Amino acid sequence: MRLATIITILVILASSVLAHADDQCHLLQLSLSAGDSQIGSVKCSKGKIHSREPFFFLVEQSGGKGPSCDMTFVQYGFEVSKIHIQQNLCALKAGDIHVSHLSGRVPIVTIEEGSFSRNRRGAISITGFR
């Protein structure tokens, strides 16, 4: 009986994910507006990079896992900060976004959680460094 219940839940979850294939919650964006700082190097262990510009970054979940990336911020060619960003899988807990400071100056971060039911992507805004 338990196996049948688990299989039913998995089928419902899979069909829900497919029905929302155009949903925005599978995306995580980062915007930077911190003076002369720009996005430097980006390395994602999970996720597919869609857009990478000096002040904007967009990554999509892939392989059944939410995006997970390390990124640096540079000012005048020198690294000023390094962070790790991660968003949970869209269909499970799309709103759960984590930002971890790895080195350098600490960013001032605002997080807007994604929403599967509201078709909203997750967003991270960095407005400065301490």
Protein backbone atom coordinates (compact mmCIF):
# COMPACT_ATOMS: atom_id res chain seq x y z
CA MET A 1 0.00 0.00 0.00
CA ARG A 2 2.81 2.42 0.81
CA LEU A 3 4.55 1.86 -2.53
CA ALA A 4 1.34 2.58 -4.43
CA THR A 5 0.87 5.84 -2.50
CA ILE A 6 4.45 6.91 -3.16
CA ILE A 7 4.12 6.13 -6.87
CA THR A 8 0.86 8.10 -7.06
CA ILE A 9 2.47 11.10 -5.38
CA LEU A 10 5.45 10.95 -7.76
CA VAL A 11 3.17 10.77 -10.82
CA ILE A 12 1.17 13.77 -9.60
CA LEU A 13 4.37 15.71 -8.91
CA ALA A 14 5.84 14.86 -12.31
CA SER A 15 2.67 15.84 -14.16
CA SER A 16 2.52 19.08 -12.19
CA VAL A 17 6.09 19.91 -13.18
CA LEU A 18 5.38 19.19 -16.85
CA ALA A 19 2.19 21.24 -16.77
CA HIS A 20 4.21 24.22 -15.53
CA ALA A 21 7.11 23.86 -17.98
CA ASP A 22 6.79 27.56 -18.90
CA ASP A 23 6.64 28.57 -15.25
CA GLN A 24 9.09 31.27 -14.17
CA CYS A 25 9.88 29.70 -10.79
CA HIS A 26 12.51 27.43 -12.36
CA LEU A 27 14.63 30.57 -12.90
CA LEU A 28 16.86 32.43 -10.45
CA GLN A 29 18.05 35.93 -11.25
CA LEU A 30 20.69 38.08 -9.61
CA SER A 31 20.93 41.81 -10.17
CA LEU A 32 23.82 43.98 -9.03
CA SER A 33 23.64 47.73 -8.43
CA ALA A 34 26.67 48.40 -6.25
CA GLY A 35 28.60 51.34 -7.66
CA ASP A 36 31.49 50.29 -9.89
CA SER A 37 31.24 46.58 -9.00
CA GLN A 38 30.44 44.03 -11.68
CA ILE A 39 29.77 40.30 -11.80
CA GLY A 40 33.07 38.51 -12.34
CA SER A 41 33.56 34.77 -12.71
CA VAL A 42 30.61 32.38 -12.33
CA LYS A 43 30.79 28.62 -11.85
CA CYS A 44 27.58 26.60 -11.52
CA SER A 45 27.68 23.02 -10.28
CA LYS A 46 23.93 22.76 -10.95
CA GLY A 47 21.78 24.71 -13.36
CA LYS A 48 22.00 26.12 -16.86
CA ILE A 49 23.15 29.72 -17.33
CA HIS A 50 20.74 31.70 -19.52
CA SER A 51 22.16 35.19 -19.31
CA ARG A 52 25.34 36.67 -17.89
CA GLU A 53 25.98 40.39 -18.10
CA PRO A 54 28.08 42.76 -15.97
CA PHE A 55 25.11 43.60 -13.69
CA PHE A 56 22.61 40.77 -14.29
CA PHE A 57 22.72 36.97 -14.10
CA LEU A 58 19.98 34.41 -14.89
CA VAL A 59 20.24 30.67 -14.26
CA GLU A 60 17.69 27.86 -14.73
CA GLN A 61 17.25 24.64 -12.80
CA SER A 62 18.31 21.52 -14.68
CA GLY A 63 18.66 17.81 -14.15
CA GLY A 64 15.95 17.76 -11.50
CA LYS A 65 17.91 20.09 -9.21
CA GLY A 66 17.76 23.78 -8.45
CA PRO A 67 20.59 26.10 -9.52
CA SER A 68 23.74 26.27 -7.40
CA CYS A 69 26.55 28.69 -8.33
CA ASP A 70 29.67 30.37 -6.96
CA MET A 71 30.25 33.88 -8.24
CA THR A 72 32.70 36.68 -7.73
CA PHE A 73 32.23 40.42 -7.89
CA VAL A 74 35.00 42.62 -9.23
CA GLN A 75 35.80 46.30 -9.05
CA TYR A 76 38.39 47.79 -11.42
CA GLY A 77 39.47 44.24 -12.33
CA PHE A 78 40.04 43.09 -8.72
CA GLU A 79 37.88 40.61 -6.84
CA VAL A 80 36.03 42.28 -3.97
CA SER A 81 33.67 39.50 -2.89
CA LYS A 82 32.73 35.88 -3.53
CA ILE A 83 29.35 34.29 -2.76
CA HIS A 84 27.44 31.05 -3.27
CA ILE A 85 23.81 31.18 -4.45
CA GLN A 86 21.37 28.27 -4.43
CA GLN A 87 17.66 27.84 -5.10
CA ASN A 88 15.68 24.71 -4.33
CA LEU A 89 13.92 22.73 -7.06
CA CYS A 90 10.91 24.62 -8.42
CA ALA A 91 8.19 22.03 -7.76
CA LEU A 92 9.36 21.33 -4.21
CA LYS A 93 10.41 24.53 -2.45
CA ALA A 94 10.97 27.10 -5.18
CA GLY A 95 10.93 29.94 -2.69
CA ASP A 96 13.91 28.68 -0.72
CA ILE A 97 16.92 30.73 -1.83
CA HIS A 98 20.21 30.71 0.04
CA VAL A 99 23.08 33.19 -0.32
CA SER A 100 26.35 32.39 1.46
CA HIS A 101 29.30 34.75 1.76
CA LEU A 102 32.55 32.95 0.87
CA SER A 103 35.23 35.66 0.93
CA GLY A 104 35.96 39.37 0.64
CA ARG A 105 33.47 42.10 1.44
CA VAL A 106 30.01 41.06 2.63
CA PRO A 107 27.26 41.91 0.12
CA ILE A 108 24.07 43.71 1.11
CA VAL A 109 21.46 41.24 -0.16
CA THR A 110 17.70 41.33 -0.67
CA ILE A 111 15.93 38.07 -1.60
CA GLU A 112 12.54 37.72 -3.28
CA GLU A 113 11.46 34.11 -3.10
CA GLY A 114 10.15 32.33 -6.16
CA SER A 115 6.69 30.84 -6.27
CA PHE A 116 5.51 27.77 -8.17
CA SER A 117 1.82 28.64 -7.76
CA ARG A 118 2.30 32.33 -8.66
CA ASN A 119 4.58 31.74 -11.67
CA ARG A 120 7.31 33.92 -10.16
CA ARG A 121 11.08 33.45 -10.42
CA GLY A 122 13.41 33.87 -7.49
CA ALA A 123 15.42 37.06 -7.33
CA ILE A 124 18.56 38.20 -5.52
CA SER A 125 19.45 41.90 -5.46
CA ILE A 126 22.85 43.11 -4.31
CA THR A 127 22.97 46.84 -3.60
CA GLY A 128 26.39 47.24 -2.03
CA PHE A 129 29.15 45.70 0.08
CA ARG A 130 30.15 46.16 3.74
